[in-house]
N, C-alpha and C. Protein backbone atom coordinates (compact mmCIF):
# COMPACT_ATOMS: atom_id res chain seq x y z
N MET A 1 93.99 79.81 87.06
CA MET A 1 93.89 79.71 85.63
C MET A 1 95.17 80.23 84.99
N LYS A 2 95.70 79.51 84.02
CA LYS A 2 96.93 79.90 83.37
C LYS A 2 96.69 81.03 82.37
N SER A 3 97.68 81.89 82.25
CA SER A 3 97.59 82.96 81.27
C SER A 3 98.10 82.46 79.93
N ARG A 4 97.87 83.23 78.90
CA ARG A 4 98.37 82.87 77.56
C ARG A 4 99.89 82.80 77.54
N LYS A 5 100.52 83.72 78.30
CA LYS A 5 101.98 83.73 78.36
C LYS A 5 102.50 82.43 78.98
N GLU A 6 101.86 81.98 80.06
CA GLU A 6 102.29 80.73 80.70
C GLU A 6 102.09 79.54 79.77
N ASP A 7 100.97 79.51 79.04
CA ASP A 7 100.72 78.43 78.09
C ASP A 7 101.75 78.43 76.97
N LEU A 8 102.06 79.61 76.44
CA LEU A 8 103.05 79.73 75.37
C LEU A 8 104.43 79.34 75.85
N THR A 9 104.79 79.78 77.05
CA THR A 9 106.09 79.44 77.63
C THR A 9 106.23 77.93 77.79
N LYS A 10 105.19 77.28 78.28
CA LYS A 10 105.22 75.82 78.44
C LYS A 10 105.36 75.14 77.09
N LYS A 11 104.65 75.61 76.10
CA LYS A 11 104.71 75.00 74.76
C LYS A 11 106.12 75.15 74.16
N ILE A 12 106.71 76.32 74.31
CA ILE A 12 108.07 76.54 73.79
C ILE A 12 109.06 75.64 74.51
N ALA A 13 108.97 75.56 75.83
CA ALA A 13 109.87 74.71 76.61
C ALA A 13 109.73 73.25 76.19
N ASP A 14 108.49 72.80 75.99
CA ASP A 14 108.25 71.42 75.57
C ASP A 14 108.84 71.16 74.18
N GLU A 15 108.61 72.06 73.25
CA GLU A 15 109.09 71.89 71.88
C GLU A 15 110.61 71.87 71.80
N LEU A 16 111.26 72.71 72.58
CA LEU A 16 112.72 72.79 72.56
C LEU A 16 113.37 71.83 73.56
N GLN A 17 112.54 71.09 74.27
CA GLN A 17 112.99 70.14 75.29
C GLN A 17 113.84 70.82 76.37
N PHE A 18 113.43 72.04 76.74
CA PHE A 18 114.05 72.77 77.84
C PHE A 18 113.20 72.56 79.08
N PRO A 19 113.82 72.58 80.25
CA PRO A 19 112.99 72.61 81.46
C PRO A 19 112.24 73.95 81.50
N GLN A 20 111.00 73.93 81.95
CA GLN A 20 110.20 75.15 81.95
C GLN A 20 110.85 76.26 82.76
N THR A 21 111.61 75.91 83.80
CA THR A 21 112.27 76.93 84.62
C THR A 21 113.32 77.70 83.83
N ALA A 22 113.81 77.14 82.72
CA ALA A 22 114.83 77.80 81.91
C ALA A 22 114.26 78.92 81.05
N VAL A 23 112.95 78.91 80.79
CA VAL A 23 112.36 79.91 79.90
C VAL A 23 111.23 80.70 80.55
N SER A 24 111.10 80.60 81.85
CA SER A 24 110.05 81.35 82.54
C SER A 24 110.60 81.88 83.86
N ASP A 25 109.76 82.58 84.60
CA ASP A 25 110.16 83.11 85.89
C ASP A 25 109.82 82.15 87.03
N ILE A 26 109.59 80.89 86.68
CA ILE A 26 109.31 79.88 87.69
C ILE A 26 110.64 79.40 88.26
N PHE A 27 110.72 79.28 89.57
CA PHE A 27 111.92 78.76 90.19
C PHE A 27 111.54 77.74 91.25
N HIS A 28 112.49 76.91 91.60
CA HIS A 28 112.28 75.87 92.60
C HIS A 28 113.52 75.83 93.48
N ILE A 29 113.31 75.85 94.79
CA ILE A 29 114.43 75.78 95.74
C ILE A 29 114.21 74.59 96.64
N GLU A 30 115.25 73.80 96.78
CA GLU A 30 115.20 72.64 97.66
C GLU A 30 116.34 72.74 98.66
N LEU A 31 115.99 72.70 99.93
CA LEU A 31 116.99 72.75 101.01
C LEU A 31 117.16 71.36 101.61
N LYS A 32 118.40 70.99 101.84
CA LYS A 32 118.70 69.75 102.55
C LYS A 32 119.39 70.15 103.84
N GLY A 33 118.59 70.18 104.90
CA GLY A 33 119.10 70.68 106.17
C GLY A 33 119.49 72.13 106.04
N ASN A 34 120.59 72.51 106.69
CA ASN A 34 121.06 73.89 106.56
C ASN A 34 122.43 73.93 105.87
N SER A 35 122.74 72.86 105.12
CA SER A 35 124.07 72.80 104.51
C SER A 35 124.07 72.64 103.00
N ASP A 36 122.90 72.55 102.38
CA ASP A 36 122.85 72.29 100.95
C ASP A 36 121.56 72.87 100.38
N ALA A 37 121.67 73.68 99.32
CA ALA A 37 120.49 74.23 98.65
C ALA A 37 120.65 74.05 97.15
N THR A 38 119.59 73.60 96.49
CA THR A 38 119.56 73.49 95.04
C THR A 38 118.51 74.45 94.53
N ILE A 39 118.90 75.32 93.60
CA ILE A 39 118.00 76.33 93.06
C ILE A 39 117.88 76.11 91.56
N GLU A 40 116.67 75.88 91.08
CA GLU A 40 116.42 75.74 89.65
C GLU A 40 115.68 76.98 89.18
N GLY A 41 116.04 77.47 88.02
CA GLY A 41 115.44 78.69 87.49
C GLY A 41 116.34 79.91 87.67
N CYS A 42 117.63 79.67 87.92
CA CYS A 42 118.58 80.77 88.12
C CYS A 42 118.84 81.53 86.83
N ARG A 43 118.91 82.83 86.94
CA ARG A 43 119.25 83.68 85.80
C ARG A 43 120.65 84.25 85.90
N GLY A 44 121.27 84.10 87.07
CA GLY A 44 122.62 84.60 87.25
C GLY A 44 122.94 84.82 88.71
N ILE A 45 124.23 85.02 88.97
CA ILE A 45 124.71 85.29 90.32
C ILE A 45 124.93 86.80 90.44
N LEU A 46 124.31 87.43 91.43
CA LEU A 46 124.42 88.87 91.61
C LEU A 46 125.53 89.25 92.59
N ASP A 47 125.64 88.54 93.70
CA ASP A 47 126.67 88.76 94.71
C ASP A 47 127.14 87.41 95.21
N TYR A 48 128.43 87.33 95.52
CA TYR A 48 128.98 86.06 95.97
C TYR A 48 130.12 86.32 96.94
N ASP A 49 130.00 85.79 98.12
CA ASP A 49 130.99 85.94 99.18
C ASP A 49 130.87 84.68 100.04
N GLU A 50 131.79 84.44 100.92
CA GLU A 50 131.67 83.25 101.75
C GLU A 50 130.58 83.37 102.81
N THR A 51 130.03 84.59 103.00
CA THR A 51 128.96 84.77 103.98
C THR A 51 127.59 85.02 103.35
N TYR A 52 127.53 85.27 102.05
CA TYR A 52 126.24 85.45 101.39
C TYR A 52 126.36 85.19 99.89
N ILE A 53 125.25 84.74 99.31
CA ILE A 53 125.15 84.53 97.86
C ILE A 53 123.78 85.04 97.44
N THR A 54 123.74 85.95 96.47
CA THR A 54 122.49 86.48 95.95
C THR A 54 122.31 86.02 94.51
N ILE A 55 121.15 85.44 94.22
CA ILE A 55 120.88 84.85 92.91
C ILE A 55 119.70 85.54 92.26
N ASN A 56 119.84 85.84 90.97
CA ASN A 56 118.78 86.43 90.16
C ASN A 56 117.82 85.31 89.74
N LEU A 57 116.53 85.49 90.03
CA LEU A 57 115.50 84.52 89.65
C LEU A 57 114.54 85.08 88.61
N GLY A 58 114.92 86.13 87.93
CA GLY A 58 114.03 86.75 86.96
C GLY A 58 113.37 87.96 87.57
N ASP A 59 112.13 87.82 88.00
CA ASP A 59 111.39 88.93 88.62
C ASP A 59 111.74 89.14 90.08
N SER A 60 112.53 88.26 90.66
CA SER A 60 112.90 88.38 92.07
C SER A 60 114.32 87.88 92.29
N THR A 61 114.78 88.02 93.53
CA THR A 61 116.10 87.52 93.90
C THR A 61 115.97 86.72 95.19
N VAL A 62 116.95 85.86 95.42
CA VAL A 62 117.03 85.13 96.67
C VAL A 62 118.44 85.29 97.20
N ARG A 63 118.54 85.52 98.51
CA ARG A 63 119.86 85.71 99.15
C ARG A 63 120.03 84.68 100.26
N PHE A 64 121.08 83.91 100.16
CA PHE A 64 121.45 82.93 101.18
C PHE A 64 122.54 83.56 102.03
N SER A 65 122.36 83.54 103.33
CA SER A 65 123.37 84.06 104.26
C SER A 65 123.82 82.93 105.16
N GLY A 66 125.08 82.99 105.57
CA GLY A 66 125.60 81.95 106.44
C GLY A 66 127.10 82.02 106.55
N ALA A 67 127.75 80.86 106.60
CA ALA A 67 129.21 80.77 106.74
C ALA A 67 129.76 79.74 105.76
N GLU A 68 130.95 80.01 105.26
CA GLU A 68 131.65 79.11 104.34
C GLU A 68 130.78 78.71 103.15
N LEU A 69 130.00 79.65 102.63
CA LEU A 69 129.12 79.38 101.50
C LEU A 69 129.93 79.33 100.21
N GLU A 70 129.55 78.41 99.33
CA GLU A 70 130.16 78.31 98.02
C GLU A 70 129.15 77.77 97.02
N ILE A 71 129.33 78.15 95.78
CA ILE A 71 128.52 77.61 94.71
C ILE A 71 129.30 76.42 94.16
N SER A 72 128.82 75.22 94.46
CA SER A 72 129.56 74.02 94.03
C SER A 72 129.23 73.65 92.60
N SER A 73 128.10 74.16 92.07
CA SER A 73 127.72 73.87 90.69
C SER A 73 126.80 74.98 90.20
N PHE A 74 126.99 75.38 88.96
CA PHE A 74 126.09 76.34 88.31
C PHE A 74 126.06 75.98 86.83
N PHE A 75 124.95 75.37 86.40
CA PHE A 75 124.84 74.89 85.03
C PHE A 75 123.39 74.82 84.62
N ASP A 76 123.09 75.30 83.43
CA ASP A 76 121.76 75.14 82.82
C ASP A 76 120.63 75.65 83.72
N GLY A 77 120.84 76.82 84.35
CA GLY A 77 119.80 77.41 85.18
C GLY A 77 119.66 76.77 86.55
N ARG A 78 120.64 75.98 86.94
CA ARG A 78 120.58 75.28 88.23
C ARG A 78 121.85 75.56 89.01
N ALA A 79 121.68 75.98 90.26
CA ALA A 79 122.83 76.25 91.14
C ALA A 79 122.72 75.39 92.39
N VAL A 80 123.89 74.95 92.87
CA VAL A 80 123.95 74.21 94.12
C VAL A 80 124.86 74.99 95.06
N ILE A 81 124.32 75.31 96.23
CA ILE A 81 125.06 76.06 97.25
C ILE A 81 125.34 75.13 98.42
N LYS A 82 126.58 75.16 98.87
CA LYS A 82 126.99 74.34 100.02
C LYS A 82 127.61 75.25 101.07
N GLY A 83 127.54 74.85 102.31
CA GLY A 83 128.06 75.61 103.42
C GLY A 83 127.06 75.56 104.57
N THR A 84 127.19 76.46 105.51
CA THR A 84 126.24 76.56 106.61
C THR A 84 125.26 77.69 106.30
N ILE A 85 124.05 77.33 105.94
CA ILE A 85 123.02 78.30 105.56
C ILE A 85 122.26 78.73 106.82
N ALA A 86 122.32 80.02 107.13
CA ALA A 86 121.64 80.55 108.32
C ALA A 86 120.29 81.16 107.98
N SER A 87 120.16 81.75 106.77
CA SER A 87 118.89 82.36 106.38
C SER A 87 118.75 82.40 104.87
N VAL A 88 117.48 82.47 104.45
CA VAL A 88 117.14 82.61 103.04
C VAL A 88 116.13 83.75 102.94
N ASP A 89 116.46 84.79 102.14
CA ASP A 89 115.59 85.96 102.01
C ASP A 89 115.24 86.19 100.56
N PHE A 90 113.97 86.51 100.32
CA PHE A 90 113.49 86.81 98.97
C PHE A 90 113.18 88.28 98.84
N SER A 91 113.37 88.82 97.64
CA SER A 91 112.96 90.20 97.37
C SER A 91 112.57 90.32 95.91
N ASN A 92 111.76 91.34 95.63
CA ASN A 92 111.31 91.59 94.25
C ASN A 92 112.09 92.72 93.64
């Protein structure tokens, strides 16, 4: 069952024509093999190196570890990471 906050967030996103991930703590991660990750719902980049990238997702973070990692795109709450992804770790 949705909470009032979730209902209000959805209504605001719909009215302003924003994706819901831009105004809530909802995120979506899509991996294409181990070389490409798309993350929607990003709030910012916390750490960035060629061996790891840590992304703020609101109430949690996600850390990609691997080799030759780079953020090829970061726009409108969406990040694309390319390189050799060895692991993905979540924390609150």
